[in-house]
């Protein structure tokens, strides 16, 4: 059974930093692309950053230059380093696995990030 557990969220002032972690189990982690998504109140869930099995990375325009995604296959963990946080980054952040079909699946429970102005 695949399980993803996010951690590292919290309350931070604008301009601050947080590092999110997502620990995966129940799958051969190194074989799957991983992604961080977020959902703000009243908005659709959006893809923030993703990383392929080979380390290729994509970012949403809204976080380029501020967020860094990385993975540690030895620890079955994907990270999201978030710097220069803005109030508009406030959301629940989720990690997910991208299946060969291209669909995202096996969502974690999410971790709340709140950025105060």
C-alpha atoms as a PDB file:
ATOM      1  CA  UNK A   1       0.000   0.000   0.000  1.00  0.00           C
ATOM      2  CA  UNK A   2       1.455   3.314  -1.106  1.00  0.00           C
ATOM      3  CA  UNK A   3       1.621   5.965   1.580  1.00  0.00           C
ATOM      4  CA  UNK A   4       2.895   9.540   1.411  1.00  0.00           C
ATOM      5  CA  UNK A   5       3.390  11.589   4.569  1.00  0.00           C
ATOM      6  CA  UNK A   6       4.075  15.313   4.303  1.00  0.00           C
ATOM      7  CA  UNK A   7       5.625  17.398   7.066  1.00  0.00           C
ATOM      8  CA  UNK A   8       7.307  20.743   7.627  1.00  0.00           C
ATOM      9  CA  UNK A   9       4.451  23.170   7.184  1.00  0.00           C
ATOM     10  CA  UNK A  10       3.693  25.983   9.583  1.00  0.00           C
ATOM     11  CA  UNK A  11       3.169  29.689  10.088  1.00  0.00           C
ATOM     12  CA  UNK A  12       5.864  32.026   8.800  1.00  0.00           C
ATOM     13  CA  UNK A  13       6.168  35.725   8.079  1.00  0.00           C
ATOM     14  CA  UNK A  14       6.463  36.994   4.549  1.00  0.00           C
ATOM     15  CA  UNK A  15      10.042  36.683   3.352  1.00  0.00           C
ATOM     16  CA  UNK A  16      10.658  33.634   5.510  1.00  0.00           C
ATOM     17  CA  UNK A  17      11.482  30.057   4.585  1.00  0.00           C
ATOM     18  CA  UNK A  18      10.139  26.578   5.154  1.00  0.00           C
ATOM     19  CA  UNK A  19      11.281  23.144   4.069  1.00  0.00           C
ATOM     20  CA  UNK A  20       8.634  20.550   3.350  1.00  0.00           C
ATOM     21  CA  UNK A  21       9.329  16.823   3.345  1.00  0.00           C
ATOM     22  CA  UNK A  22       7.347  13.955   1.897  1.00  0.00           C
ATOM     23  CA  UNK A  23       8.237  10.436   2.990  1.00  0.00           C
ATOM     24  CA  UNK A  24       7.041   7.668   0.699  1.00  0.00           C
ATOM     25  CA  UNK A  25       6.521   3.981   1.381  1.00  0.00           C
ATOM     26  CA  UNK A  26       4.972   1.032  -0.409  1.00  0.00           C
ATOM     27  CA  UNK A  27       6.540   1.744  -3.795  1.00  0.00           C
ATOM     28  CA  UNK A  28       9.929   1.635  -5.478  1.00  0.00           C
ATOM     29  CA  UNK A  29      10.436   5.345  -4.968  1.00  0.00           C
ATOM     30  CA  UNK A  30      13.311   5.838  -7.409  1.00  0.00           C
ATOM     31  CA  UNK A  31      11.148   4.642 -10.310  1.00  0.00           C
ATOM     32  CA  UNK A  32       8.542   7.388 -10.036  1.00  0.00           C
ATOM     33  CA  UNK A  33       8.422  11.097 -10.777  1.00  0.00           C
ATOM     34  CA  UNK A  34       7.248  13.081  -7.766  1.00  0.00           C
ATOM     35  CA  UNK A  35       5.511  16.396  -7.416  1.00  0.00           C
ATOM     36  CA  UNK A  36       4.423  19.034  -4.954  1.00  0.00           C
ATOM     37  CA  UNK A  37       0.986  20.562  -5.399  1.00  0.00           C
ATOM     38  CA  UNK A  38      -0.913  23.142  -3.392  1.00  0.00           C
ATOM     39  CA  UNK A  39      -4.498  24.160  -2.847  1.00  0.00           C
ATOM     40  CA  UNK A  40      -5.516  27.498  -1.427  1.00  0.00           C
ATOM     41  CA  UNK A  41      -9.016  28.106  -0.029  1.00  0.00           C
ATOM     42  CA  UNK A  42     -11.510  28.493  -2.837  1.00  0.00           C
ATOM     43  CA  UNK A  43      -8.981  27.646  -5.515  1.00  0.00           C
ATOM     44  CA  UNK A  44      -8.152  24.599  -7.562  1.00  0.00           C
ATOM     45  CA  UNK A  45      -5.195  22.443  -6.708  1.00  0.00           C
ATOM     46  CA  UNK A  46      -2.136  23.445  -8.727  1.00  0.00           C
ATOM     47  CA  UNK A  47       1.188  21.807  -9.496  1.00  0.00           C
ATOM     48  CA  UNK A  48       4.016  23.751  -7.859  1.00  0.00           C
ATOM     49  CA  UNK A  49       7.052  21.676  -8.803  1.00  0.00           C
ATOM     50  CA  UNK A  50       7.881  18.217 -10.075  1.00  0.00           C
ATOM     51  CA  UNK A  51      11.023  16.133 -10.374  1.00  0.00           C
ATOM     52  CA  UNK A  52      11.614  13.189 -12.665  1.00  0.00           C
ATOM     53  CA  UNK A  53      13.411   9.984 -11.862  1.00  0.00           C
ATOM     54  CA  UNK A  54      16.477  11.418 -13.570  1.00  0.00           C
ATOM     55  CA  UNK A  55      16.326  14.725 -11.738  1.00  0.00           C
ATOM     56  CA  UNK A  56      14.675  16.896 -14.394  1.00  0.00           C
ATOM     57  CA  UNK A  57      12.704  19.633 -12.688  1.00  0.00           C
ATOM     58  CA  UNK A  58       9.811  21.910 -13.568  1.00  0.00           C
ATOM     59  CA  UNK A  59       8.387  24.809 -11.574  1.00  0.00           C
ATOM     60  CA  UNK A  60       5.241  26.839 -11.763  1.00  0.00           C
ATOM     61  CA  UNK A  61       6.025  30.382 -12.876  1.00  0.00           C
ATOM     62  CA  UNK A  62       4.746  31.722  -9.558  1.00  0.00           C
ATOM     63  CA  UNK A  63       7.495  29.960  -7.569  1.00  0.00           C
ATOM     64  CA  UNK A  64      10.468  29.999  -9.951  1.00  0.00           C
ATOM     65  CA  UNK A  65      13.566  31.353  -8.267  1.00  0.00           C
ATOM     66  CA  UNK A  66      12.067  30.932  -4.792  1.00  0.00           C
ATOM     67  CA  UNK A  67      11.270  27.214  -4.421  1.00  0.00           C
ATOM     68  CA  UNK A  68      13.584  24.240  -4.910  1.00  0.00           C
ATOM     69  CA  UNK A  69      12.424  20.650  -5.248  1.00  0.00           C
ATOM     70  CA  UNK A  70      14.795  17.762  -4.591  1.00  0.00           C
ATOM     71  CA  UNK A  71      14.660  14.068  -3.896  1.00  0.00           C
ATOM     72  CA  UNK A  72      16.705  11.578  -1.896  1.00  0.00           C
ATOM     73  CA  UNK A  73      16.083   8.108  -3.284  1.00  0.00           C
ATOM     74  CA  UNK A  74      18.010   6.497  -0.426  1.00  0.00           C
ATOM     75  CA  UNK A  75      15.513   7.989   2.024  1.00  0.00           C
ATOM     76  CA  UNK A  76      12.427   7.655  -0.207  1.00  0.00           C
ATOM     77  CA  UNK A  77      11.810  11.335   0.375  1.00  0.00           C
ATOM     78  CA  UNK A  78      11.069  14.386  -1.750  1.00  0.00           C
ATOM     79  CA  UNK A  79      11.637  17.903  -0.433  1.00  0.00           C
ATOM     80  CA  UNK A  80      10.423  21.389  -1.214  1.00  0.00           C
ATOM     81  CA  UNK A  81      12.597  24.236  -0.003  1.00  0.00           C
ATOM     82  CA  UNK A  82      10.541  27.420  -0.004  1.00  0.00           C
ATOM     83  CA  UNK A  83      12.297  30.767   0.324  1.00  0.00           C
ATOM     84  CA  UNK A  84      11.074  34.369   0.093  1.00  0.00           C
ATOM     85  CA  UNK A  85       7.595  33.222   0.976  1.00  0.00           C
ATOM     86  CA  UNK A  86       4.649  35.444   0.105  1.00  0.00           C
ATOM     87  CA  UNK A  87       1.131  35.574   1.562  1.00  0.00           C
ATOM     88  CA  UNK A  88      -0.161  34.163  -1.741  1.00  0.00           C
ATOM     89  CA  UNK A  89       1.848  30.985  -1.056  1.00  0.00           C
ATOM     90  CA  UNK A  90      -0.587  30.189   1.756  1.00  0.00           C
ATOM     91  CA  UNK A  91      -2.158  26.805   0.986  1.00  0.00           C
ATOM     92  CA  UNK A  92      -2.236  23.157   1.896  1.00  0.00           C
ATOM     93  CA  UNK A  93       0.729  21.506   0.210  1.00  0.00           C
ATOM     94  CA  UNK A  94       0.512  17.928  -1.014  1.00  0.00           C
ATOM     95  CA  UNK A  95       2.980  15.552  -2.560  1.00  0.00           C
ATOM     96  CA  UNK A  96       1.957  12.952  -5.107  1.00  0.00           C
ATOM     97  CA  UNK A  97       3.320  10.240  -7.361  1.00  0.00           C
ATOM     98  CA  UNK A  98       3.058  10.541 -11.121  1.00  0.00           C
ATOM     99  CA  UNK A  99       2.003   7.282 -12.696  1.00  0.00           C
ATOM    100  CA  UNK A 100       3.144   6.128 -16.157  1.00  0.00           C
ATOM    101  CA  UNK A 101      -0.235   7.277 -17.482  1.00  0.00           C
ATOM    102  CA  UNK A 102       0.711  10.836 -16.510  1.00  0.00           C
ATOM    103  CA  UNK A 103      -1.912  11.022 -13.807  1.00  0.00           C
ATOM    104  CA  UNK A 104      -1.012  12.098 -10.299  1.00  0.00           C
ATOM    105  CA  UNK A 105      -1.997   9.642  -7.593  1.00  0.00           C
ATOM    106  CA  UNK A 106      -1.403   8.500  -4.004  1.00  0.00           C
ATOM    107  CA  UNK A 107      -1.887  11.907  -2.437  1.00  0.00           C
ATOM    108  CA  UNK A 108      -0.629  12.533   1.069  1.00  0.00           C
ATOM    109  CA  UNK A 109      -2.722  14.174   3.785  1.00  0.00           C
ATOM    110  CA  UNK A 110      -1.173  17.560   3.114  1.00  0.00           C
ATOM    111  CA  UNK A 111       0.652  20.071   5.274  1.00  0.00           C
ATOM    112  CA  UNK A 112      -0.614  23.598   5.919  1.00  0.00           C
ATOM    113  CA  UNK A 113       1.606  26.537   5.010  1.00  0.00           C
ATOM    114  CA  UNK A 114       0.468  29.955   6.199  1.00  0.00           C
ATOM    115  CA  UNK A 115       2.404  33.099   5.303  1.00  0.00           C
ATOM    116  CA  UNK A 116       1.497  36.244   7.198  1.00  0.00           C
ATOM    117  CA  UNK A 117       2.025  39.714   5.771  1.00  0.00           C
END
